[in-house]
Amino acid sequence: MYSPLEDALTIADKTFTSRLLIGSAQYPNNQVMLDAIAASGSQIVTVAIRRVDLAGGGETVLDLLEGDYHILPNTAGCFTAKDALLTAELAREALETNWIKLEVIGDRETLYPDAEHLLTAAAEMVRRGFIVLPYCTDDPITCRKLADLGCAAVMPLGSPIGSGMGILNPYNIEIIRAENDIPVIIDAGIGTASDAAFAMELGCDGVLLASAVSRAHDPVRMATAMRHGVEGGRHAFRAGRIPRKRHAEASSPQKGVIGT
């Protein structure tokens, strides 16, 4: 009998049975957010520190989630290494965690990461004792450099943030997976459950998504679909697909067929 514990996801010093990570923003209301996150089966929930009132002025998303999930603060909205470092330190002080999802955006329209500032921030965060999970482009070289710096995982995009275009360059994702020993988690671009399944079939260790669920017509149902997509894709990867061939091959034995 298959057990999730036999195929758990380990990042740094923690182990998770779910390979789906989910965001907490853009839901119609807090109850839909809570129901969708629960339906997803996720154990890691990302929270944008710049969108949270850390001064304690009323109930926040952190109050709703803490205790039930592993909170992964992120540096969304940062455009320089300096801003990302400041945001990470605020998160560590406020949330008492050294985990950080590092985002340093280089362009407001495409929301593509700035590799130069990303590498600078990652190096300094690792030096300061953070467990760094960087959002990056699907560039094998950048991912290799981030791994060499000591990041706990690499999180290449499948396609631009919020685009729902799925994985546009599976070849690069396969290279990134083959070249790195740390977890590879697809981050950005997932639009539906088949995209999540495809990411896992490519060998990725996990999928992080947000708007694909929060902006769906039925976020809770979509969260359920994403959960099954990730689980199905992981099973398919571990089972091993049959080779692709240019000709047919009968699934039934030919021996004993009339006329042979």
C-alpha atoms as a PDB file:
ATOM      1  CA  MET A   1       0.000   0.000   0.000  1.00  0.00           C
ATOM      2  CA  TYR A   2       1.362   3.414  -0.968  1.00  0.00           C
ATOM      3  CA  SER A   3       2.001   5.829   1.889  1.00  0.00           C
ATOM      4  CA  PRO A   4       2.663   9.572   1.417  1.00  0.00           C
ATOM      5  CA  LEU A   5       5.400   9.293   4.039  1.00  0.00           C
ATOM      6  CA  GLU A   6       7.330   7.010   1.686  1.00  0.00           C
ATOM      7  CA  ASP A   7       7.513   9.819  -0.857  1.00  0.00           C
ATOM      8  CA  ALA A   8       7.714  12.877   1.335  1.00  0.00           C
ATOM      9  CA  LEU A   9       9.151  16.213   0.248  1.00  0.00           C
ATOM     10  CA  THR A  10      12.100  17.372   2.337  1.00  0.00           C
ATOM     11  CA  ILE A  11      13.239  20.993   2.178  1.00  0.00           C
ATOM     12  CA  ALA A  12      16.148  21.923   4.436  1.00  0.00           C
ATOM     13  CA  ASP A  13      15.234  20.605   7.892  1.00  0.00           C
ATOM     14  CA  LYS A  14      11.518  19.927   7.347  1.00  0.00           C
ATOM     15  CA  THR A  15       9.542  17.140   5.715  1.00  0.00           C
ATOM     16  CA  PHE A  16       6.107  17.484   4.112  1.00  0.00           C
ATOM     17  CA  THR A  17       3.718  14.856   2.758  1.00  0.00           C
ATOM     18  CA  SER A  18       2.129  17.330   0.309  1.00  0.00           C
ATOM     19  CA  ARG A  19       4.083  18.506  -2.719  1.00  0.00           C
ATOM     20  CA  LEU A  20       1.674  21.338  -3.449  1.00  0.00           C
ATOM     21  CA  LEU A  21       2.494  24.799  -2.061  1.00  0.00           C
ATOM     22  CA  ILE A  22      -0.182  27.466  -2.241  1.00  0.00           C
ATOM     23  CA  GLY A  23      -0.510  31.237  -1.997  1.00  0.00           C
ATOM     24  CA  SER A  24      -2.865  33.167   0.263  1.00  0.00           C
ATOM     25  CA  ALA A  25      -3.663  36.252  -1.832  1.00  0.00           C
ATOM     26  CA  GLN A  26      -6.479  37.387  -4.164  1.00  0.00           C
ATOM     27  CA  TYR A  27      -9.262  35.169  -2.800  1.00  0.00           C
ATOM     28  CA  PRO A  28     -12.822  36.575  -2.776  1.00  0.00           C
ATOM     29  CA  ASN A  29     -12.812  36.448   1.029  1.00  0.00           C
ATOM     30  CA  ASN A  30     -11.002  34.797   3.934  1.00  0.00           C
ATOM     31  CA  GLN A  31     -13.415  31.891   4.234  1.00  0.00           C
ATOM     32  CA  VAL A  32     -12.930  30.901   0.597  1.00  0.00           C
ATOM     33  CA  MET A  33      -9.183  31.151   1.142  1.00  0.00           C
ATOM     34  CA  LEU A  34      -9.295  28.846   4.157  1.00  0.00           C
ATOM     35  CA  ASP A  35     -11.576  26.344   2.412  1.00  0.00           C
ATOM     36  CA  ALA A  36      -9.427  26.308  -0.736  1.00  0.00           C
ATOM     37  CA  ILE A  37      -6.165  25.866   1.163  1.00  0.00           C
ATOM     38  CA  ALA A  38      -7.702  23.011   3.138  1.00  0.00           C
ATOM     39  CA  ALA A  39      -8.985  21.379  -0.065  1.00  0.00           C
ATOM     40  CA  SER A  40      -5.548  21.644  -1.661  1.00  0.00           C
ATOM     41  CA  GLY A  41      -3.960  19.515   1.032  1.00  0.00           C
ATOM     42  CA  SER A  42      -1.060  21.952   1.118  1.00  0.00           C
ATOM     43  CA  GLN A  43       1.061  22.207   4.220  1.00  0.00           C
ATOM     44  CA  ILE A  44       3.091  25.219   3.077  1.00  0.00           C
ATOM     45  CA  VAL A  45       1.295  28.531   2.526  1.00  0.00           C
ATOM     46  CA  THR A  46       3.058  31.610   1.180  1.00  0.00           C
ATOM     47  CA  VAL A  47       2.314  35.046   2.576  1.00  0.00           C
ATOM     48  CA  ALA A  48       3.474  38.342   1.083  1.00  0.00           C
ATOM     49  CA  ILE A  49       5.051  40.267   3.953  1.00  0.00           C
ATOM     50  CA  ARG A  50       4.540  43.629   2.255  1.00  0.00           C
ATOM     51  CA  ARG A  51       0.783  43.023   2.244  1.00  0.00           C
ATOM     52  CA  VAL A  52       0.518  42.086   5.938  1.00  0.00           C
ATOM     53  CA  ASP A  53       0.025  44.551   8.789  1.00  0.00           C
ATOM     54  CA  LEU A  54       2.766  43.498  11.194  1.00  0.00           C
ATOM     55  CA  ALA A  55       1.800  46.186  13.701  1.00  0.00           C
ATOM     56  CA  GLY A  56      -1.086  44.109  15.038  1.00  0.00           C
ATOM     57  CA  GLY A  57      -3.937  46.300  13.811  1.00  0.00           C
ATOM     58  CA  GLY A  58      -6.690  43.674  13.628  1.00  0.00           C
ATOM     59  CA  GLU A  59      -6.950  40.117  12.335  1.00  0.00           C
ATOM     60  CA  THR A  60      -4.557  39.275   9.508  1.00  0.00           C
ATOM     61  CA  VAL A  61      -4.081  36.320   7.201  1.00  0.00           C
ATOM     62  CA  LEU A  62      -1.327  35.180   9.551  1.00  0.00           C
ATOM     63  CA  ASP A  63      -3.793  34.967  12.427  1.00  0.00           C
ATOM     64  CA  LEU A  64      -6.008  32.733  10.296  1.00  0.00           C
ATOM     65  CA  LEU A  65      -3.238  30.412   9.132  1.00  0.00           C
ATOM     66  CA  GLU A  66      -0.631  30.166  11.874  1.00  0.00           C
ATOM     67  CA  GLY A  67      -0.666  26.908  13.789  1.00  0.00           C
ATOM     68  CA  ASP A  68      -2.286  24.946  10.967  1.00  0.00           C
ATOM     69  CA  TYR A  69       0.282  25.493   8.206  1.00  0.00           C
ATOM     70  CA  HIS A  70       3.970  26.115   7.663  1.00  0.00           C
ATOM     71  CA  ILE A  71       4.036  29.800   6.770  1.00  0.00           C
ATOM     72  CA  LEU A  72       6.477  30.751   4.025  1.00  0.00           C
ATOM     73  CA  PRO A  73       6.876  34.548   3.927  1.00  0.00           C
ATOM     74  CA  ASN A  74       7.886  35.986   0.585  1.00  0.00           C
ATOM     75  CA  THR A  75       9.490  39.176  -0.629  1.00  0.00           C
ATOM     76  CA  ALA A  76       6.888  39.895  -3.323  1.00  0.00           C
ATOM     77  CA  GLY A  77       6.978  43.495  -4.487  1.00  0.00           C
ATOM     78  CA  CYS A  78      10.733  43.897  -4.080  1.00  0.00           C
ATOM     79  CA  PHE A  79      12.768  45.192  -7.010  1.00  0.00           C
ATOM     80  CA  THR A  80      16.255  45.314  -5.459  1.00  0.00           C
ATOM     81  CA  ALA A  81      18.403  43.024  -3.347  1.00  0.00           C
ATOM     82  CA  LYS A  82      18.418  45.673  -0.609  1.00  0.00           C
ATOM     83  CA  ASP A  83      14.612  45.769  -0.389  1.00  0.00           C
ATOM     84  CA  ALA A  84      14.417  41.975  -0.399  1.00  0.00           C
ATOM     85  CA  LEU A  85      16.919  41.710   2.450  1.00  0.00           C
ATOM     86  CA  LEU A  86      15.018  44.264   4.522  1.00  0.00           C
ATOM     87  CA  THR A  87      11.721  42.470   3.921  1.00  0.00           C
ATOM     88  CA  ALA A  88      13.252  39.117   4.853  1.00  0.00           C
ATOM     89  CA  GLU A  89      14.595  40.504   8.120  1.00  0.00           C
ATOM     90  CA  LEU A  90      11.177  41.966   8.940  1.00  0.00           C
ATOM     91  CA  ALA A  91       9.591  38.581   8.282  1.00  0.00           C
ATOM     92  CA  ARG A  92      12.117  36.774  10.470  1.00  0.00           C
ATOM     93  CA  GLU A  93      11.541  39.159  13.361  1.00  0.00           C
ATOM     94  CA  ALA A  94       7.759  39.229  13.080  1.00  0.00           C
ATOM     95  CA  LEU A  95       7.112  35.564  12.318  1.00  0.00           C
ATOM     96  CA  GLU A  96      10.108  34.024  14.077  1.00  0.00           C
ATOM     97  CA  THR A  97      11.059  32.003  11.021  1.00  0.00           C
ATOM     98  CA  ASN A  98      14.230  31.926   8.954  1.00  0.00           C
ATOM     99  CA  TRP A  99      12.399  30.519   5.923  1.00  0.00           C
ATOM    100  CA  ILE A 100      11.949  32.942   3.049  1.00  0.00           C
ATOM    101  CA  LYS A 101      10.664  32.751  -0.488  1.00  0.00           C
ATOM    102  CA  LEU A 102      12.940  35.170  -2.281  1.00  0.00           C
ATOM    103  CA  GLU A 103      11.473  37.278  -5.079  1.00  0.00           C
ATOM    104  CA  VAL A 104      13.316  40.144  -6.750  1.00  0.00           C
ATOM    105  CA  ILE A 105      11.403  41.423  -9.762  1.00  0.00           C
ATOM    106  CA  GLY A 106      13.213  43.084 -12.644  1.00  0.00           C
ATOM    107  CA  ASP A 107      10.312  44.312 -14.773  1.00  0.00           C
ATOM    108  CA  ARG A 108       6.867  45.521 -13.721  1.00  0.00           C
ATOM    109  CA  GLU A 109       5.135  44.321 -16.891  1.00  0.00           C
ATOM    110  CA  THR A 110       6.484  40.779 -17.246  1.00  0.00           C
ATOM    111  CA  LEU A 111       7.267  40.320 -13.530  1.00  0.00           C
ATOM    112  CA  TYR A 112      10.369  38.409 -14.547  1.00  0.00           C
ATOM    113  CA  PRO A 113      13.021  38.001 -11.849  1.00  0.00           C
ATOM    114  CA  ASP A 114      16.165  40.128 -11.903  1.00  0.00           C
ATOM    115  CA  ALA A 115      18.934  37.524 -11.906  1.00  0.00           C
ATOM    116  CA  GLU A 116      21.663  39.929 -10.792  1.00  0.00           C
ATOM    117  CA  HIS A 117      19.801  41.201  -7.729  1.00  0.00           C
ATOM    118  CA  LEU A 118      18.403  37.729  -7.044  1.00  0.00           C
ATOM    119  CA  LEU A 119      21.858  36.150  -6.798  1.00  0.00           C
ATOM    120  CA  THR A 120      23.142  39.022  -4.661  1.00  0.00           C
ATOM    121  CA  ALA A 121      20.220  38.764  -2.253  1.00  0.00           C
ATOM    122  CA  ALA A 122      20.376  34.963  -2.120  1.00  0.00           C
ATOM    123  CA  ALA A 123      24.074  34.957  -1.252  1.00  0.00           C
ATOM    124  CA  GLU A 124      23.584  37.453   1.580  1.00  0.00           C
ATOM    125  CA  MET A 125      20.472  35.717   2.932  1.00  0.00           C
ATOM    126  CA  VAL A 126      22.235  32.365   3.078  1.00  0.00           C
ATOM    127  CA  ARG A 127      25.125  34.065   4.882  1.00  0.00           C
ATOM    128  CA  ARG A 128      22.648  35.483   7.415  1.00  0.00           C
ATOM    129  CA  GLY A 129      21.199  32.050   8.116  1.00  0.00           C
ATOM    130  CA  PHE A 130      18.009  32.138   6.064  1.00  0.00           C
ATOM    131  CA  ILE A 131      16.549  29.057   4.396  1.00  0.00           C
ATOM    132  CA  VAL A 132      16.151  30.539   0.935  1.00  0.00           C
ATOM    133  CA  LEU A 133      13.688  29.388  -1.728  1.00  0.00           C
ATOM    134  CA  PRO A 134      14.276  31.698  -4.722  1.00  0.00           C
ATOM    135  CA  TYR A 135      11.779  32.389  -7.501  1.00  0.00           C
ATOM    136  CA  CYS A 136      13.788  32.486 -10.721  1.00  0.00           C
ATOM    137  CA  THR A 137      13.606  32.114 -14.480  1.00  0.00           C
ATOM    138  CA  ASP A 138      13.777  28.691 -16.114  1.00  0.00           C
ATOM    139  CA  ASP A 139      17.485  29.246 -16.788  1.00  0.00           C
ATOM    140  CA  PRO A 140      19.624  26.227 -15.840  1.00  0.00           C
ATOM    141  CA  ILE A 141      22.687  28.416 -15.239  1.00  0.00           C
ATOM    142  CA  THR A 142      20.920  30.719 -12.785  1.00  0.00           C
ATOM    143  CA  CYS A 143      19.414  27.729 -10.988  1.00  0.00           C
ATOM    144  CA  ARG A 144      22.824  26.083 -10.703  1.00  0.00           C
ATOM    145  CA  LYS A 145      24.327  29.282  -9.265  1.00  0.00           C
ATOM    146  CA  LEU A 146      21.505  29.560  -6.723  1.00  0.00           C
ATOM    147  CA  ALA A 147      22.060  25.964  -5.664  1.00  0.00           C
ATOM    148  CA  ASP A 148      25.810  26.548  -5.359  1.00  0.00           C
ATOM    149  CA  LEU A 149      25.119  29.546  -3.105  1.00  0.00           C
ATOM    150  CA  GLY A 150      23.341  27.248  -0.652  1.00  0.00           C
ATOM    151  CA  CYS A 151      19.661  27.823  -1.427  1.00  0.00           C
ATOM    152  CA  ALA A 152      17.358  25.149  -0.003  1.00  0.00           C
ATOM    153  CA  ALA A 153      15.442  24.799  -3.295  1.00  0.00           C
ATOM    154  CA  VAL A 154      15.111  26.479  -6.671  1.00  0.00           C
ATOM    155  CA  MET A 155      11.748  27.668  -7.952  1.00  0.00           C
ATOM    156  CA  PRO A 156      11.853  28.273 -11.711  1.00  0.00           C
ATOM    157  CA  LEU A 157       8.809  29.753 -13.421  1.00  0.00           C
ATOM    158  CA  GLY A 158       6.772  27.693 -15.840  1.00  0.00           C
ATOM    159  CA  SER A 159       5.597  30.896 -17.549  1.00  0.00           C
ATOM    160  CA  PRO A 160       4.970  34.491 -16.396  1.00  0.00           C
ATOM    161  CA  ILE A 161       3.254  35.042 -13.049  1.00  0.00           C
ATOM    162  CA  GLY A 162      -0.523  34.829 -13.286  1.00  0.00           C
ATOM    163  CA  SER A 163      -0.487  34.042 -17.011  1.00  0.00           C
ATOM    164  CA  GLY A 164      -1.961  30.552 -16.700  1.00  0.00           C
ATOM    165  CA  MET A 165       0.081  29.518 -19.748  1.00  0.00           C
ATOM    166  CA  GLY A 166       1.486  26.409 -18.128  1.00  0.00           C
ATOM    167  CA  ILE A 167       5.038  25.183 -18.692  1.00  0.00           C
ATOM    168  CA  LEU A 168       6.397  26.799 -21.844  1.00  0.00           C
ATOM    169  CA  ASN A 169       9.893  25.274 -21.781  1.00  0.00           C
ATOM    170  CA  PRO A 170       9.766  21.711 -20.432  1.00  0.00           C
ATOM    171  CA  TYR A 171      13.206  21.014 -21.881  1.00  0.00           C
ATOM    172  CA  ASN A 172      14.807  23.575 -19.557  1.00  0.00           C
ATOM    173  CA  ILE A 173      12.872  22.281 -16.569  1.00  0.00           C
ATOM    174  CA  GLU A 174      14.186  18.767 -17.227  1.00  0.00           C
ATOM    175  CA  ILE A 175      17.741  20.117 -17.402  1.00  0.00           C
ATOM    176  CA  ILE A 176      17.298  22.008 -14.130  1.00  0.00           C
ATOM    177  CA  ARG A 177      15.952  18.887 -12.446  1.00  0.00           C
ATOM    178  CA  ALA A 178      18.814  16.734 -13.751  1.00  0.00           C
ATOM    179  CA  GLU A 179      21.546  19.182 -12.736  1.00  0.00           C
ATOM    180  CA  ASN A 180      20.480  19.937  -9.153  1.00  0.00           C
ATOM    181  CA  ASP A 181      20.334  17.837  -6.014  1.00  0.00           C
ATOM    182  CA  ILE A 182      18.073  20.256  -4.134  1.00  0.00           C
ATOM    183  CA  PRO A 183      14.289  20.330  -4.644  1.00  0.00           C
ATOM    184  CA  VAL A 184      13.009  21.912  -7.861  1.00  0.00           C
ATOM    185  CA  ILE A 185       9.587  23.514  -7.430  1.00  0.00           C
ATOM    186  CA  ILE A 186       7.679  25.036 -10.332  1.00  0.00           C
ATOM    187  CA  ASP A 187       6.546  28.535  -9.386  1.00  0.00           C
ATOM    188  CA  ALA A 188       4.312  30.695 -11.609  1.00  0.00           C
ATOM    189  CA  GLY A 189       2.307  30.087 -14.757  1.00  0.00           C
ATOM    190  CA  ILE A 190       0.225  27.105 -13.663  1.00  0.00           C
ATOM    191  CA  GLY A 191      -3.317  27.485 -14.980  1.00  0.00           C
ATOM    192  CA  THR A 192      -5.067  24.195 -14.367  1.00  0.00           C
ATOM    193  CA  ALA A 193      -4.578  20.719 -12.935  1.00  0.00           C
ATOM    194  CA  SER A 194      -3.016  19.272 -16.092  1.00  0.00           C
ATOM    195  CA  ASP A 195      -0.255  21.902 -15.880  1.00  0.00           C
ATOM    196  CA  ALA A 196       0.508  20.824 -12.320  1.00  0.00           C
ATOM    197  CA  ALA A 197       0.511  17.165 -13.338  1.00  0.00           C
ATOM    198  CA  PHE A 198       2.876  17.900 -16.231  1.00  0.00           C
ATOM    199  CA  ALA A 199       5.302  19.670 -13.900  1.00  0.00           C
ATOM    200  CA  MET A 200       5.422  16.615 -11.685  1.00  0.00           C
ATOM    201  CA  GLU A 201       5.757  14.254 -14.665  1.00  0.00           C
ATOM    202  CA  LEU A 202       8.872  16.214 -15.663  1.00  0.00           C
ATOM    203  CA  GLY A 203      10.391  15.247 -12.319  1.00  0.00           C
ATOM    204  CA  CYS A 204       9.776  18.414 -10.338  1.00  0.00           C
ATOM    205  CA  ASP A 205       9.617  17.944  -6.587  1.00  0.00           C
ATOM    206  CA  GLY A 206       6.682  20.251  -6.087  1.00  0.00           C
ATOM    207  CA  VAL A 207       4.416  22.965  -7.473  1.00  0.00           C
ATOM    208  CA  LEU A 208       3.693  26.387  -6.008  1.00  0.00           C
ATOM    209  CA  LEU A 209       0.611  28.157  -7.310  1.00  0.00           C
ATOM    210  CA  ALA A 210      -1.681  30.960  -6.280  1.00  0.00           C
ATOM    211  CA  SER A 211      -3.856  32.754  -8.836  1.00  0.00           C
ATOM    212  CA  ALA A 212      -4.766  29.510 -10.624  1.00  0.00           C
ATOM    213  CA  VAL A 213      -6.830  28.711  -7.531  1.00  0.00           C
ATOM    214  CA  SER A 214      -7.692  32.101  -6.056  1.00  0.00           C
ATOM    215  CA  ARG A 215      -8.938  33.512  -9.376  1.00  0.00           C
ATOM    216  CA  ALA A 216     -10.784  30.375 -10.520  1.00  0.00           C
ATOM    217  CA  HIS A 217     -14.584  30.531 -10.740  1.00  0.00           C
ATOM    218  CA  ASP A 218     -14.685  27.930  -7.956  1.00  0.00           C
ATOM    219  CA  PRO A 219     -11.437  28.183  -5.958  1.00  0.00           C
ATOM    220  CA  VAL A 220     -12.228  25.285  -3.639  1.00  0.00           C
ATOM    221  CA  ARG A 221     -12.985  22.889  -6.482  1.00  0.00           C
ATOM    222  CA  MET A 222      -9.890  24.042  -8.379  1.00  0.00           C
ATOM    223  CA  ALA A 223      -7.767  23.537  -5.272  1.00  0.00           C
ATOM    224  CA  THR A 224      -9.049  19.965  -5.105  1.00  0.00           C
ATOM    225  CA  ALA A 225      -8.192  19.463  -8.780  1.00  0.00           C
ATOM    226  CA  MET A 226      -4.677  20.825  -8.240  1.00  0.00           C
ATOM    227  CA  ARG A 227      -4.151  18.449  -5.345  1.00  0.00           C
ATOM    228  CA  HIS A 228      -5.067  15.471  -7.508  1.00  0.00           C
ATOM    229  CA  GLY A 229      -3.018  16.824 -10.415  1.00  0.00           C
ATOM    230  CA  VAL A 230       0.143  17.032  -8.336  1.00  0.00           C
ATOM    231  CA  GLU A 231      -0.426  13.616  -6.776  1.00  0.00           C
ATOM    232  CA  GLY A 232      -1.218  11.998 -10.137  1.00  0.00           C
ATOM    233  CA  GLY A 233       1.791  13.563 -11.821  1.00  0.00           C
ATOM    234  CA  ARG A 234       4.085  12.384  -9.058  1.00  0.00           C
ATOM    235  CA  HIS A 235       2.733   8.835  -9.280  1.00  0.00           C
ATOM    236  CA  ALA A 236       3.217   8.876 -13.065  1.00  0.00           C
ATOM    237  CA  PHE A 237       6.807  10.112 -12.732  1.00  0.00           C
ATOM    238  CA  ARG A 238       7.720   7.423 -10.239  1.00  0.00           C
ATOM    239  CA  ALA A 239       5.942   4.717 -12.239  1.00  0.00           C
ATOM    240  CA  GLY A 240       7.803   5.636 -15.446  1.00  0.00           C
ATOM    241  CA  ARG A 241       6.014   6.300 -18.715  1.00  0.00           C
ATOM    242  CA  ILE A 242       6.343   3.987 -21.694  1.00  0.00           C
ATOM    243  CA  PRO A 243       8.760   5.092 -24.442  1.00  0.00           C
ATOM    244  CA  ARG A 244       7.354   7.206 -27.261  1.00  0.00           C
ATOM    245  CA  LYS A 245       7.345   5.359 -30.611  1.00  0.00           C
ATOM    246  CA  ARG A 246       6.605   6.323 -34.194  1.00  0.00           C
ATOM    247  CA  HIS A 247       4.626   3.144 -34.853  1.00  0.00           C
ATOM    248  CA  ALA A 248       1.840   1.195 -33.194  1.00  0.00           C
ATOM    249  CA  GLU A 249       2.433  -1.684 -30.830  1.00  0.00           C
ATOM    250  CA  ALA A 250      -0.508  -3.871 -29.918  1.00  0.00           C
ATOM    251  CA  SER A 251      -1.333  -4.065 -26.227  1.00  0.00           C
ATOM    252  CA  SER A 252      -2.705  -7.617 -26.658  1.00  0.00           C
ATOM    253  CA  PRO A 253      -0.483 -10.624 -27.450  1.00  0.00           C
ATOM    254  CA  GLN A 254      -0.333 -11.566 -31.170  1.00  0.00           C
ATOM    255  CA  LYS A 255       0.476 -15.224 -30.568  1.00  0.00           C
ATOM    256  CA  GLY A 256      -2.463 -17.471 -31.432  1.00  0.00           C
ATOM    257  CA  VAL A 257      -4.318 -14.873 -33.461  1.00  0.00           C
ATOM    258  CA  ILE A 258      -6.274 -16.487 -36.346  1.00  0.00           C
ATOM    259  CA  GLY A 259      -4.276 -16.398 -39.562  1.00  0.00           C
ATOM    260  CA  THR A 260      -0.841 -16.250 -37.869  1.00  0.00           C
END
